Amino acid sequence: MTVTIKQLTSQQEWMEAYPVMAQLRAELTLEKYLLLLKEMTRDGYMLFALYENMQIVAVA
């Protein structure tokens, strides 16, 4: 099993993390999620993903 932690910085990476985030925040639509991330990253917010065998299993 290969485990990796990576900072997600592109919209494509954010979209790949959305299914995991949606489990945590069920009310969050993809559109709202992307909009919030764009706004929050300007203020220094960072999103990280834990990959297990090249698949995102957790976000922080």
PDB file of N, CA and C in Angstrom:
ATOM      1  N   MET A   1       0.853  -1.178   0.000  1.00  0.00           N
ATOM      2  CA  MET A   1       0.000   0.000   0.000  1.00  0.00           C
ATOM      3  C   MET A   1       0.899   1.241   0.000  1.00  0.00           C
ATOM      4  N   THR A   2       0.621   2.144  -0.910  1.00  0.00           N
ATOM      5  CA  THR A   2       1.360   3.398  -1.004  1.00  0.00           C
ATOM      6  C   THR A   2       0.487   4.528  -0.490  1.00  0.00           C
ATOM      7  N   VAL A   3       1.003   5.289   0.481  1.00  0.00           N
ATOM      8  CA  VAL A   3       0.269   6.410   1.060  1.00  0.00           C
ATOM      9  C   VAL A   3       1.065   7.685   0.802  1.00  0.00           C
ATOM     10  N   THR A   4       0.358   8.726   0.322  1.00  0.00           N
ATOM     11  CA  THR A   4       0.986  10.003  -0.003  1.00  0.00           C
ATOM     12  C   THR A   4       0.083  11.132   0.462  1.00  0.00           C
ATOM     13  N   ILE A   5       0.682  12.214   0.936  1.00  0.00           N
ATOM     14  CA  ILE A   5      -0.061  13.433   1.264  1.00  0.00           C
ATOM     15  C   ILE A   5       0.392  14.507   0.297  1.00  0.00           C
ATOM     16  N   LYS A   6      -0.575  15.217  -0.294  1.00  0.00           N
ATOM     17  CA  LYS A   6      -0.265  16.213  -1.318  1.00  0.00           C
ATOM     18  C   LYS A   6      -1.165  17.436  -1.142  1.00  0.00           C
ATOM     19  N   GLN A   7      -0.582  18.615  -1.329  1.00  0.00           N
ATOM     20  CA  GLN A   7      -1.390  19.828  -1.338  1.00  0.00           C
ATOM     21  C   GLN A   7      -2.089  19.922  -2.691  1.00  0.00           C
ATOM     22  N   LEU A   8      -3.377  20.193  -2.666  1.00  0.00           N
ATOM     23  CA  LEU A   8      -4.161  20.330  -3.892  1.00  0.00           C
ATOM     24  C   LEU A   8      -4.224  21.798  -4.265  1.00  0.00           C
ATOM     25  N   THR A   9      -3.759  22.133  -5.456  1.00  0.00           N
ATOM     26  CA  THR A   9      -3.665  23.541  -5.834  1.00  0.00           C
ATOM     27  C   THR A   9      -4.420  23.893  -7.105  1.00  0.00           C
ATOM     28  N   SER A  10      -4.810  22.919  -7.882  1.00  0.00           N
ATOM     29  CA  SER A  10      -5.500  23.222  -9.149  1.00  0.00           C
ATOM     30  C   SER A  10      -6.980  22.873  -9.048  1.00  0.00           C
ATOM     31  N   GLN A  11      -7.757  23.453  -9.920  1.00  0.00           N
ATOM     32  CA  GLN A  11      -9.188  23.174  -9.932  1.00  0.00           C
ATOM     33  C   GLN A  11      -9.432  21.695 -10.222  1.00  0.00           C
ATOM     34  N   GLN A  12      -8.641  21.105 -11.091  1.00  0.00           N
ATOM     35  CA  GLN A  12      -8.785  19.677 -11.403  1.00  0.00           C
ATOM     36  C   GLN A  12      -8.576  18.829 -10.148  1.00  0.00           C
ATOM     37  N   GLU A  13      -7.557  19.153  -9.368  1.00  0.00           N
ATOM     38  CA  GLU A  13      -7.300  18.418  -8.125  1.00  0.00           C
ATOM     39  C   GLU A  13      -8.438  18.612  -7.136  1.00  0.00           C
ATOM     40  N   TRP A  14      -8.958  19.834  -7.058  1.00  0.00           N
ATOM     41  CA  TRP A  14     -10.081  20.105  -6.156  1.00  0.00           C
ATOM     42  C   TRP A  14     -11.294  19.271  -6.546  1.00  0.00           C
ATOM     43  N   MET A  15     -11.532  19.168  -7.848  1.00  0.00           N
ATOM     44  CA  MET A  15     -12.670  18.386  -8.322  1.00  0.00           C
ATOM     45  C   MET A  15     -12.496  16.903  -7.983  1.00  0.00           C
ATOM     46  N   GLU A  16     -11.271  16.419  -8.065  1.00  0.00           N
ATOM     47  CA  GLU A  16     -10.998  15.025  -7.711  1.00  0.00           C
ATOM     48  C   GLU A  16     -11.246  14.776  -6.222  1.00  0.00           C
ATOM     49  N   ALA A  17     -11.063  15.796  -5.393  1.00  0.00           N
ATOM     50  CA  ALA A  17     -11.273  15.668  -3.951  1.00  0.00           C
ATOM     51  C   ALA A  17     -12.729  15.876  -3.538  1.00  0.00           C
ATOM     52  N   TYR A  18     -13.542  16.396  -4.439  1.00  0.00           N
ATOM     53  CA  TYR A  18     -14.924  16.735  -4.087  1.00  0.00           C
ATOM     54  C   TYR A  18     -15.730  15.555  -3.520  1.00  0.00           C
ATOM     55  N   PRO A  19     -15.658  14.356  -4.087  1.00  0.00           N
ATOM     56  CA  PRO A  19     -16.463  13.258  -3.503  1.00  0.00           C
ATOM     57  C   PRO A  19     -16.181  13.017  -2.023  1.00  0.00           C
ATOM     58  N   VAL A  20     -14.937  13.147  -1.618  1.00  0.00           N
ATOM     59  CA  VAL A  20     -14.598  12.969  -0.198  1.00  0.00           C
ATOM     60  C   VAL A  20     -15.127  14.143   0.614  1.00  0.00           C
ATOM     61  N   MET A  21     -14.941  15.358   0.096  1.00  0.00           N
ATOM     62  CA  MET A  21     -15.443  16.556   0.791  1.00  0.00           C
ATOM     63  C   MET A  21     -16.964  16.503   0.912  1.00  0.00           C
ATOM     64  N   ALA A  22     -17.635  16.011  -0.105  1.00  0.00           N
ATOM     65  CA  ALA A  22     -19.102  15.936  -0.088  1.00  0.00           C
ATOM     66  C   ALA A  22     -19.601  14.983   0.994  1.00  0.00           C
ATOM     67  N   GLN A  23     -18.798  14.002   1.362  1.00  0.00           N
ATOM     68  CA  GLN A  23     -19.170  13.113   2.462  1.00  0.00           C
ATOM     69  C   GLN A  23     -19.146  13.864   3.790  1.00  0.00           C
ATOM     70  N   LEU A  24     -18.243  14.835   3.895  1.00  0.00           N
ATOM     71  CA  LEU A  24     -18.133  15.635   5.118  1.00  0.00           C
ATOM     72  C   LEU A  24     -19.150  16.769   5.157  1.00  0.00           C
ATOM     73  N   ARG A  25     -19.414  17.343   4.005  1.00  0.00           N
ATOM     74  CA  ARG A  25     -20.319  18.490   3.884  1.00  0.00           C
ATOM     75  C   ARG A  25     -21.371  18.183   2.817  1.00  0.00           C
ATOM     76  N   ALA A  26     -22.371  17.421   3.179  1.00  0.00           N
ATOM     77  CA  ALA A  26     -23.371  16.931   2.226  1.00  0.00           C
ATOM     78  C   ALA A  26     -24.141  18.053   1.523  1.00  0.00           C
ATOM     79  N   GLU A  27     -24.238  19.199   2.159  1.00  0.00           N
ATOM     80  CA  GLU A  27     -24.994  20.317   1.567  1.00  0.00           C
ATOM     81  C   GLU A  27     -24.189  21.078   0.520  1.00  0.00           C
ATOM     82  N   LEU A  28     -22.932  20.777   0.370  1.00  0.00           N
ATOM     83  CA  LEU A  28     -22.023  21.520  -0.492  1.00  0.00           C
ATOM     84  C   LEU A  28     -22.082  20.994  -1.929  1.00  0.00           C
ATOM     85  N   THR A  29     -22.542  21.837  -2.859  1.00  0.00           N
ATOM     86  CA  THR A  29     -22.545  21.450  -4.268  1.00  0.00           C
ATOM     87  C   THR A  29     -21.145  21.629  -4.845  1.00  0.00           C
ATOM     88  N   LEU A  30     -20.888  21.001  -5.965  1.00  0.00           N
ATOM     89  CA  LEU A  30     -19.582  21.138  -6.614  1.00  0.00           C
ATOM     90  C   LEU A  30     -19.307  22.596  -6.962  1.00  0.00           C
ATOM     91  N   GLU A  31     -20.295  23.290  -7.472  1.00  0.00           N
ATOM     92  CA  GLU A  31     -20.118  24.685  -7.867  1.00  0.00           C
ATOM     93  C   GLU A  31     -19.775  25.564  -6.667  1.00  0.00           C
ATOM     94  N   LYS A  32     -20.502  25.384  -5.581  1.00  0.00           N
ATOM     95  CA  LYS A  32     -20.250  26.172  -4.372  1.00  0.00           C
ATOM     96  C   LYS A  32     -18.876  25.836  -3.783  1.00  0.00           C
ATOM     97  N   TYR A  33     -18.528  24.571  -3.780  1.00  0.00           N
ATOM     98  CA  TYR A  33     -17.238  24.093  -3.291  1.00  0.00           C
ATOM     99  C   TYR A  33     -16.097  24.764  -4.054  1.00  0.00           C
ATOM    100  N   LEU A  34     -16.163  24.762  -5.380  1.00  0.00           N
ATOM    101  CA  LEU A  34     -15.105  25.370  -6.191  1.00  0.00           C
ATOM    102  C   LEU A  34     -15.039  26.876  -5.965  1.00  0.00           C
ATOM    103  N   LEU A  35     -16.170  27.525  -5.867  1.00  0.00           N
ATOM    104  CA  LEU A  35     -16.207  28.966  -5.614  1.00  0.00           C
ATOM    105  C   LEU A  35     -15.584  29.295  -4.259  1.00  0.00           C
ATOM    106  N   LEU A  36     -15.948  28.545  -3.236  1.00  0.00           N
ATOM    107  CA  LEU A  36     -15.386  28.765  -1.903  1.00  0.00           C
ATOM    108  C   LEU A  36     -13.866  28.552  -1.894  1.00  0.00           C
ATOM    109  N   LEU A  37     -13.404  27.503  -2.561  1.00  0.00           N
ATOM    110  CA  LEU A  37     -11.967  27.244  -2.602  1.00  0.00           C
ATOM    111  C   LEU A  37     -11.210  28.374  -3.294  1.00  0.00           C
ATOM    112  N   LYS A  38     -11.755  28.879  -4.381  1.00  0.00           N
ATOM    113  CA  LYS A  38     -11.104  29.998  -5.076  1.00  0.00           C
ATOM    114  C   LYS A  38     -10.977  31.200  -4.150  1.00  0.00           C
ATOM    115  N   GLU A  39     -12.038  31.502  -3.431  1.00  0.00           N
ATOM    116  CA  GLU A  39     -12.025  32.642  -2.509  1.00  0.00           C
ATOM    117  C   GLU A  39     -11.085  32.394  -1.330  1.00  0.00           C
ATOM    118  N   MET A  40     -11.163  31.221  -0.759  1.00  0.00           N
ATOM    119  CA  MET A  40     -10.406  30.918   0.450  1.00  0.00           C
ATOM    120  C   MET A  40      -8.905  30.797   0.188  1.00  0.00           C
ATOM    121  N   THR A  41      -8.507  30.276  -0.973  1.00  0.00           N
ATOM    122  CA  THR A  41      -7.077  30.146  -1.254  1.00  0.00           C
ATOM    123  C   THR A  41      -6.414  31.517  -1.392  1.00  0.00           C
ATOM    124  N   ARG A  42      -7.176  32.508  -1.814  1.00  0.00           N
ATOM    125  CA  ARG A  42      -6.628  33.869  -1.867  1.00  0.00           C
ATOM    126  C   ARG A  42      -6.279  34.384  -0.473  1.00  0.00           C
ATOM    127  N   ASP A  43      -6.966  33.839   0.535  1.00  0.00           N
ATOM    128  CA  ASP A  43      -6.724  34.239   1.927  1.00  0.00           C
ATOM    129  C   ASP A  43      -5.763  33.303   2.651  1.00  0.00           C
ATOM    130  N   GLY A  44      -5.121  32.400   1.911  1.00  0.00           N
ATOM    131  CA  GLY A  44      -4.124  31.530   2.508  1.00  0.00           C
ATOM    132  C   GLY A  44      -4.585  30.122   2.851  1.00  0.00           C
ATOM    133  N   TYR A  45      -5.847  29.795   2.586  1.00  0.00           N
ATOM    134  CA  TYR A  45      -6.359  28.457   2.863  1.00  0.00           C
ATOM    135  C   TYR A  45      -5.632  27.444   1.984  1.00  0.00           C
ATOM    136  N   MET A  46      -5.319  26.294   2.534  1.00  0.00           N
ATOM    137  CA  MET A  46      -4.687  25.215   1.780  1.00  0.00           C
ATOM    138  C   MET A  46      -5.496  23.939   1.967  1.00  0.00           C
ATOM    139  N   LEU A  47      -5.606  23.169   0.903  1.00  0.00           N
ATOM    140  CA  LEU A  47      -6.329  21.906   0.944  1.00  0.00           C
ATOM    141  C   LEU A  47      -5.337  20.786   0.649  1.00  0.00           C
ATOM    142  N   PHE A  48      -5.333  19.769   1.512  1.00  0.00           N
ATOM    143  CA  PHE A  48      -4.450  18.630   1.348  1.00  0.00           C
ATOM    144  C   PHE A  48      -5.277  17.363   1.204  1.00  0.00           C
ATOM    145  N   ALA A  49      -4.719  16.399   0.485  1.00  0.00           N
ATOM    146  CA  ALA A  49      -5.389  15.112   0.314  1.00  0.00           C
ATOM    147  C   ALA A  49      -4.447  13.992   0.713  1.00  0.00           C
ATOM    148  N   LEU A  50      -5.014  12.976   1.316  1.00  0.00           N
ATOM    149  CA  LEU A  50      -4.292  11.748   1.609  1.00  0.00           C
ATOM    150  C   LEU A  50      -4.669  10.754   0.513  1.00  0.00           C
ATOM    151  N   TYR A  51      -3.658  10.327  -0.212  1.00  0.00           N
ATOM    152  CA  TYR A  51      -3.859   9.347  -1.280  1.00  0.00           C
ATOM    153  C   TYR A  51      -3.430   7.979  -0.775  1.00  0.00           C
ATOM    154  N   GLU A  52      -4.267   7.003  -1.036  1.00  0.00           N
ATOM    155  CA  GLU A  52      -3.929   5.610  -0.746  1.00  0.00           C
ATOM    156  C   GLU A  52      -4.013   4.867  -2.065  1.00  0.00           C
ATOM    157  N   ASN A  53      -2.889   4.352  -2.516  1.00  0.00           N
ATOM    158  CA  ASN A  53      -2.829   3.686  -3.822  1.00  0.00           C
ATOM    159  C   ASN A  53      -3.373   4.594  -4.927  1.00  0.00           C
ATOM    160  N   MET A  54      -2.952   5.843  -4.904  1.00  0.00           N
ATOM    161  CA  MET A  54      -3.266   6.853  -5.918  1.00  0.00           C
ATOM    162  C   MET A  54      -4.735   7.299  -5.929  1.00  0.00           C
ATOM    163  N   GLN A  55      -5.478   7.010  -4.865  1.00  0.00           N
ATOM    164  CA  GLN A  55      -6.875   7.429  -4.754  1.00  0.00           C
ATOM    165  C   GLN A  55      -7.046   8.255  -3.490  1.00  0.00           C
ATOM    166  N   ILE A  56      -7.762   9.386  -3.602  1.00  0.00           N
ATOM    167  CA  ILE A  56      -7.987  10.241  -2.443  1.00  0.00           C
ATOM    168  C   ILE A  56      -8.933   9.552  -1.469  1.00  0.00           C
ATOM    169  N   VAL A  57      -8.477   9.442  -0.214  1.00  0.00           N
ATOM    170  CA  VAL A  57      -9.294   8.807   0.814  1.00  0.00           C
ATOM    171  C   VAL A  57      -9.609   9.763   1.967  1.00  0.00           C
ATOM    172  N   ALA A  58      -8.913  10.915   2.010  1.00  0.00           N
ATOM    173  CA  ALA A  58      -9.175  11.884   3.074  1.00  0.00           C
ATOM    174  C   ALA A  58      -8.692  13.267   2.613  1.00  0.00           C
ATOM    175  N   VAL A  59      -9.333  14.314   3.138  1.00  0.00           N
ATOM    176  CA  VAL A  59      -8.922  15.684   2.852  1.00  0.00           C
ATOM    177  C   VAL A  59      -8.821  16.462   4.167  1.00  0.00           C
ATOM    178  N   ALA A  60      -7.957  17.460   4.152  1.00  0.00           N
ATOM    179  CA  ALA A  60      -7.791  18.316   5.329  1.00  0.00           C
ATOM    180  C   ALA A  60      -7.473  19.720   4.865  1.00  0.00           C
TER     181      ALA A  60
END
